[in-house]
Protein backbone atom coordinates (compact mmCIF):
# COMPACT_ATOMS: atom_id res chain seq x y z
CA MET A 1 113.00 48.38 270.89
CA GLU A 2 114.72 45.32 272.34
CA GLU A 3 115.50 45.59 276.05
CA LYS A 4 119.11 44.85 276.98
CA HIS A 5 120.30 43.19 280.18
CA PRO A 6 124.02 43.32 280.98
CA GLN A 7 123.97 39.87 282.60
CA TYR A 8 122.44 38.19 279.53
CA ILE A 9 123.92 37.49 276.11
CA ASN A 10 121.53 39.07 273.63
CA SER A 11 122.70 37.02 270.65
CA ILE A 12 121.76 33.83 272.50
CA ILE A 13 118.38 35.27 273.47
CA ARG A 14 117.76 36.14 269.82
CA ALA A 15 118.81 32.66 268.67
CA VAL A 16 116.38 31.06 271.13
CA LYS A 17 113.57 33.34 269.95
CA ILE A 18 114.26 32.31 266.35
CA LEU A 19 113.97 28.62 267.28
CA GLU A 20 110.79 29.26 269.28
CA LEU A 21 109.27 31.15 266.35
CA TYR A 22 108.57 27.91 264.44
CA GLY A 23 106.27 26.72 267.21
CA LYS A 24 104.73 30.13 267.75
CA LEU A 25 103.82 30.47 264.07
CA ASN A 26 103.13 26.72 263.66
CA THR A 27 105.14 26.60 260.45
CA GLN A 28 107.82 24.34 258.99
CA TYR A 29 109.80 26.88 256.99
CA LEU A 30 110.85 30.47 257.66
CA GLY A 31 112.92 32.90 255.62
CA ILE A 32 115.28 35.65 256.75
CA ALA A 33 112.75 38.39 255.97
CA GLU A 34 109.96 36.64 257.91
CA ILE A 35 112.15 36.08 260.96
CA SER A 36 113.45 39.63 260.84
CA ASN A 37 109.94 41.10 260.63
CA GLU A 38 108.45 38.89 263.33
CA LEU A 39 111.24 39.54 265.84
CA LYS A 40 111.90 43.12 264.73
CA LEU A 41 115.59 42.42 264.13
CA GLN A 42 117.86 43.89 261.50
CA ARG A 43 118.20 41.53 258.54
CA THR A 44 122.00 41.45 258.84
CA THR A 45 121.70 40.40 262.50
CA THR A 46 119.06 37.82 261.63
CA PHE A 47 121.15 36.43 258.78
CA ASN A 48 124.25 36.02 260.98
CA ILE A 49 122.35 34.23 263.75
CA VAL A 50 120.52 31.96 261.28
CA LYS A 51 123.81 31.03 259.57
CA THR A 52 125.31 30.16 262.97
CA LEU A 53 122.30 27.99 263.85
CA LEU A 54 122.63 26.37 260.41
CA HIS A 55 126.32 25.64 261.00
CA GLU A 56 125.58 24.01 264.37
CA GLY A 57 122.72 21.85 263.05
CA TRP A 58 119.85 23.65 264.78
CA LEU A 59 118.50 24.80 261.41
CA VAL A 60 118.54 23.20 257.96
CA GLN A 61 118.19 24.95 254.59
CA ASP A 62 116.67 22.50 252.13
CA SER A 63 113.49 23.91 250.68
CA PRO A 64 113.25 25.00 247.03
CA ASN A 65 112.82 28.65 248.05
CA GLY A 66 115.88 28.65 250.30
CA LYS A 67 114.01 28.97 253.58
CA TYR A 68 115.04 27.25 256.81
CA ARG A 69 113.50 24.51 258.94
CA LEU A 70 114.41 23.09 262.34
CA GLY A 71 117.31 20.62 262.26
CA THR A 72 117.98 17.34 264.01
CA ARG A 73 119.72 18.96 266.97
CA ILE A 74 116.27 19.96 268.21
CA LEU A 75 115.16 16.32 268.10
CA GLN A 76 118.28 15.13 269.93
CA VAL A 77 117.78 17.57 272.79
CA SER A 78 114.02 16.91 272.86
CA ALA A 79 114.65 13.17 273.14
CA MET A 80 117.00 13.67 276.10
CA VAL A 81 114.57 15.97 277.88
CA THR A 82 111.53 13.78 277.36
CA ARG A 83 113.41 10.71 278.58
CA ASN A 84 114.20 12.55 281.80
CA ILE A 85 110.72 13.92 282.44
CA SER A 86 108.29 11.40 281.08
CA THR A 87 109.29 7.88 280.22
CA GLU A 88 108.58 6.00 283.37
CA ASP A 89 108.63 2.38 282.32
CA MET A 90 105.21 1.62 283.74
CA ILE A 91 103.51 4.41 281.78
CA LEU A 92 105.23 3.51 278.53
CA GLU A 93 104.36 -0.16 278.97
CA GLU A 94 100.70 0.75 279.50
CA MET A 95 100.75 2.99 276.44
CA HIS A 96 101.97 0.08 274.31
CA ARG A 97 99.21 -2.13 275.74
CA LEU A 98 96.56 0.45 274.88
CA ARG A 99 97.96 0.91 271.39
CA ASP A 100 97.82 -2.85 270.80
CA MET A 101 94.27 -2.98 272.16
CA TYR A 102 92.85 -0.23 269.92
CA ASN A 103 95.45 0.15 267.15
CA GLU A 104 95.23 3.92 267.60
CA ASP A 105 97.87 6.44 268.62
CA VAL A 106 98.37 6.72 272.38
CA VAL A 107 99.73 10.07 273.55
CA LEU A 108 101.12 11.20 276.90
CA THR A 109 100.98 14.93 277.62
CA LYS A 110 102.61 16.66 280.59
CA MET A 111 102.03 20.06 282.13
CA ILE A 112 105.37 21.89 281.88
CA ASP A 113 105.52 25.44 283.22
CA GLY A 114 101.78 25.84 282.70
CA ILE A 115 101.83 24.52 279.13
CA PRO A 116 100.63 21.08 277.94
CA VAL A 117 103.48 19.40 276.06
CA CYS A 118 103.40 16.03 274.26
CA VAL A 119 106.19 14.04 275.92
CA GLU A 120 105.56 10.52 274.61
CA LYS A 121 103.70 8.90 271.74
CA VAL A 122 103.12 5.27 270.78
CA GLN A 123 102.01 5.14 267.16
CA SER A 124 99.45 2.85 265.56
CA SER A 125 99.95 0.88 262.35
CA ASN A 126 97.14 2.73 260.57
CA VAL A 127 97.96 4.17 257.17
CA LEU A 128 96.05 7.34 258.08
CA ARG A 129 97.96 8.64 261.09
CA ILE A 130 97.38 11.55 263.40
CA GLU A 131 99.69 14.55 263.43
CA SER A 132 100.95 14.75 267.01
CA LYS A 133 104.64 15.05 267.76
CA VAL A 134 106.75 14.65 270.87
CA GLY A 135 107.82 18.06 272.11
CA ARG A 136 104.88 19.88 270.56
CA ALA A 137 103.05 22.33 272.82
CA GLY A 138 99.28 21.99 273.06
CA ASN A 139 96.40 24.19 274.11
CA LEU A 140 94.74 24.24 277.53
CA LEU A 141 91.50 25.58 276.05
CA LYS A 142 91.11 23.24 273.05
CA GLY A 143 91.37 19.49 272.58
CA SER A 144 91.04 16.68 275.09
CA THR A 145 94.71 16.36 276.07
CA GLY A 146 95.09 20.00 277.14
CA LYS A 147 91.64 20.39 278.69
CA THR A 148 92.12 17.22 280.71
CA LEU A 149 95.29 18.62 282.25
CA PHE A 150 93.59 21.99 282.74
CA ALA A 151 90.52 20.57 284.49
CA TRP A 152 92.61 19.06 287.29
CA GLN A 153 94.73 22.10 288.16
CA PRO A 154 94.47 24.40 291.20
CA GLU A 155 91.52 26.78 291.03
CA LYS A 156 93.83 29.79 291.19
CA PHE A 157 95.66 28.63 288.07
CA ILE A 158 92.43 27.87 286.23
CA ASN A 159 91.07 31.33 286.99
CA SER A 160 94.26 33.06 285.89
CA VAL A 161 94.28 31.25 282.52
CA LEU A 162 90.59 31.94 281.91
CA ASP A 163 91.02 35.63 282.76
CA VAL A 164 93.81 35.95 280.20
CA GLY A 165 92.23 33.71 277.57
CA PHE A 166 88.94 35.55 277.14
CA ALA A 167 88.10 39.14 276.37
CA ASP A 168 86.62 41.34 279.09
CA SER A 169 83.25 41.65 277.39
CA PRO A 170 79.78 40.08 277.68
CA LYS A 171 80.66 37.56 274.94
CA GLY A 172 84.04 36.82 276.55
CA THR A 173 82.42 36.30 279.93
CA GLU A 174 79.86 33.94 278.41
CA GLU A 175 82.58 31.89 276.68
CA LYS A 176 84.65 31.77 279.86
CA GLU A 177 81.76 30.53 281.96
CA SER A 178 80.87 27.95 279.30
CA LEU A 179 84.40 26.54 279.43
CA ARG A 180 84.36 26.60 283.23
CA ALA A 181 81.18 24.50 283.14
CA GLU A 182 82.82 22.12 280.65
CA LEU A 183 85.82 21.69 282.95
CA GLN A 184 83.46 20.86 285.81
CA LYS A 185 81.76 18.22 283.65
CA ILE A 186 85.14 16.73 282.71
CA ARG A 187 86.05 16.41 286.40
CA GLU A 188 82.71 14.83 287.22
CA GLN A 189 82.87 12.18 284.49
CA GLY A 190 86.61 11.60 284.87
CA PHE A 191 87.54 11.97 281.19
CA CYS A 192 87.39 14.33 278.22
CA VAL A 193 86.25 13.62 274.66
CA SER A 194 87.17 15.82 271.71
CA ILE A 195 85.91 15.53 268.12
CA SER A 196 87.28 17.75 265.33
CA GLU A 197 88.14 20.38 267.92
CA GLN A 198 91.73 21.07 266.96
CA ASN A 199 92.02 18.99 263.80
CA GLU A 200 89.13 18.19 261.47
CA GLY A 201 88.20 14.51 261.45
CA VAL A 202 90.24 13.65 264.55
CA ALA A 203 88.73 12.24 267.75
CA SER A 204 90.41 11.73 271.10
CA VAL A 205 89.63 10.46 274.58
CA SER A 206 91.82 11.63 277.46
CA VAL A 207 92.08 10.97 281.18
CA PRO A 208 94.29 12.52 283.86
CA ILE A 209 97.13 10.84 285.71
CA ARG A 210 97.14 12.72 289.01
CA ASP A 211 99.57 13.23 291.87
CA LYS A 212 98.86 12.74 295.57
CA SER A 213 97.26 16.20 295.75
CA GLY A 214 94.78 15.29 293.03
CA TYR A 215 96.28 17.56 290.39
CA ALA A 216 96.90 16.25 286.88
CA VAL A 217 100.57 15.62 286.08
CA TYR A 218 99.86 13.92 282.77
CA SER A 219 96.97 13.31 280.43
CA LEU A 220 96.79 9.92 278.72
CA ALA A 221 94.91 9.84 275.43
CA VAL A 222 93.80 7.54 272.64
CA ILE A 223 93.70 9.56 269.41
CA GLY A 224 92.64 8.57 265.93
CA GLU A 225 90.54 9.20 262.86
CA GLU A 226 87.03 10.17 263.98
CA LYS A 227 85.09 7.39 262.28
CA ARG A 228 87.45 4.65 263.52
CA VAL A 229 87.46 5.88 267.12
CA LYS A 230 83.68 6.23 267.23
CA GLN A 231 83.29 2.67 265.93
CA LYS A 232 85.46 1.45 268.80
CA ASN A 233 83.06 3.08 271.33
CA MET A 234 84.51 6.20 272.92
CA GLU A 235 82.79 5.60 276.26
CA GLU A 236 84.33 2.14 276.51
CA ILE A 237 87.74 3.60 275.62
CA ALA A 238 87.25 6.16 278.39
CA LYS A 239 86.50 3.41 280.94
CA VAL A 240 89.62 1.47 279.96
CA LEU A 241 91.74 4.63 280.10
CA MET A 242 90.40 5.53 283.53
CA ASP A 243 91.27 2.06 284.83
CA SER A 244 94.76 2.44 283.36
CA ALA A 245 95.22 5.86 284.93
CA ARG A 246 94.10 4.72 288.36
CA GLY A 247 96.53 1.82 288.22
CA LEU A 248 99.35 4.14 287.18
CA GLU A 249 98.49 6.60 289.93
CA GLY A 250 98.64 3.81 292.49
CA ALA A 251 101.97 2.58 291.20
CA ARG A 252 103.39 6.11 291.16
CA SER A 253 102.30 6.79 294.73
CA GLN A 254 104.16 3.70 295.92
CA THR A 255 107.42 4.84 294.31
CA GLU A 256 107.26 8.50 295.47
């Protein structure tokens, strides 16, 4: 049963949960029945909220089966937010330089409320492109962009995420300790490499951009089709990225 709070407007809370559901389920289209079942809402209530979101441009109904997808209002708000939190000119300029050097996607990910979120992307000219979108939440436990951010967080935060992320069993303990060892290795070498970890056939190399306390604020990554990235020498890419990150950290410290 949905908990009610007199100081909050429940219809707005429900509308937000509907919008968040697309990311939670990692899907492009949702129907009234699916939304109603997932959020345990009456179908009439769901229908009215969805129609309101449709009217205001937050949702669009254009699939053959009449389901709904996110509308352009999401992109407009996302663009405003990401401009405010991520697009420091010096980082964006370096991302363009790296893209031109390797002709692969360059992605900037930021830790926002304990979640890795893609906040900037400079796309390559390759026909086969990598599916990574600005505003998309990542995973701290999988893939180089999230694990790079995770490796350079306070120990208390790392422990709390690991405790929640793995079952309290011998197998869960073994997996947790394996990831803890991997995070230690990432810190020691200064970068993280991922191959077909989140998406089959995709390789990435990521490095942290840290604050004065040594914690990762961003991860900077070169991402592309596995064969192409391997041919360009992933260790050399890592060295170039680390040089870029150190330069950006120095420039950031002077402006803070």
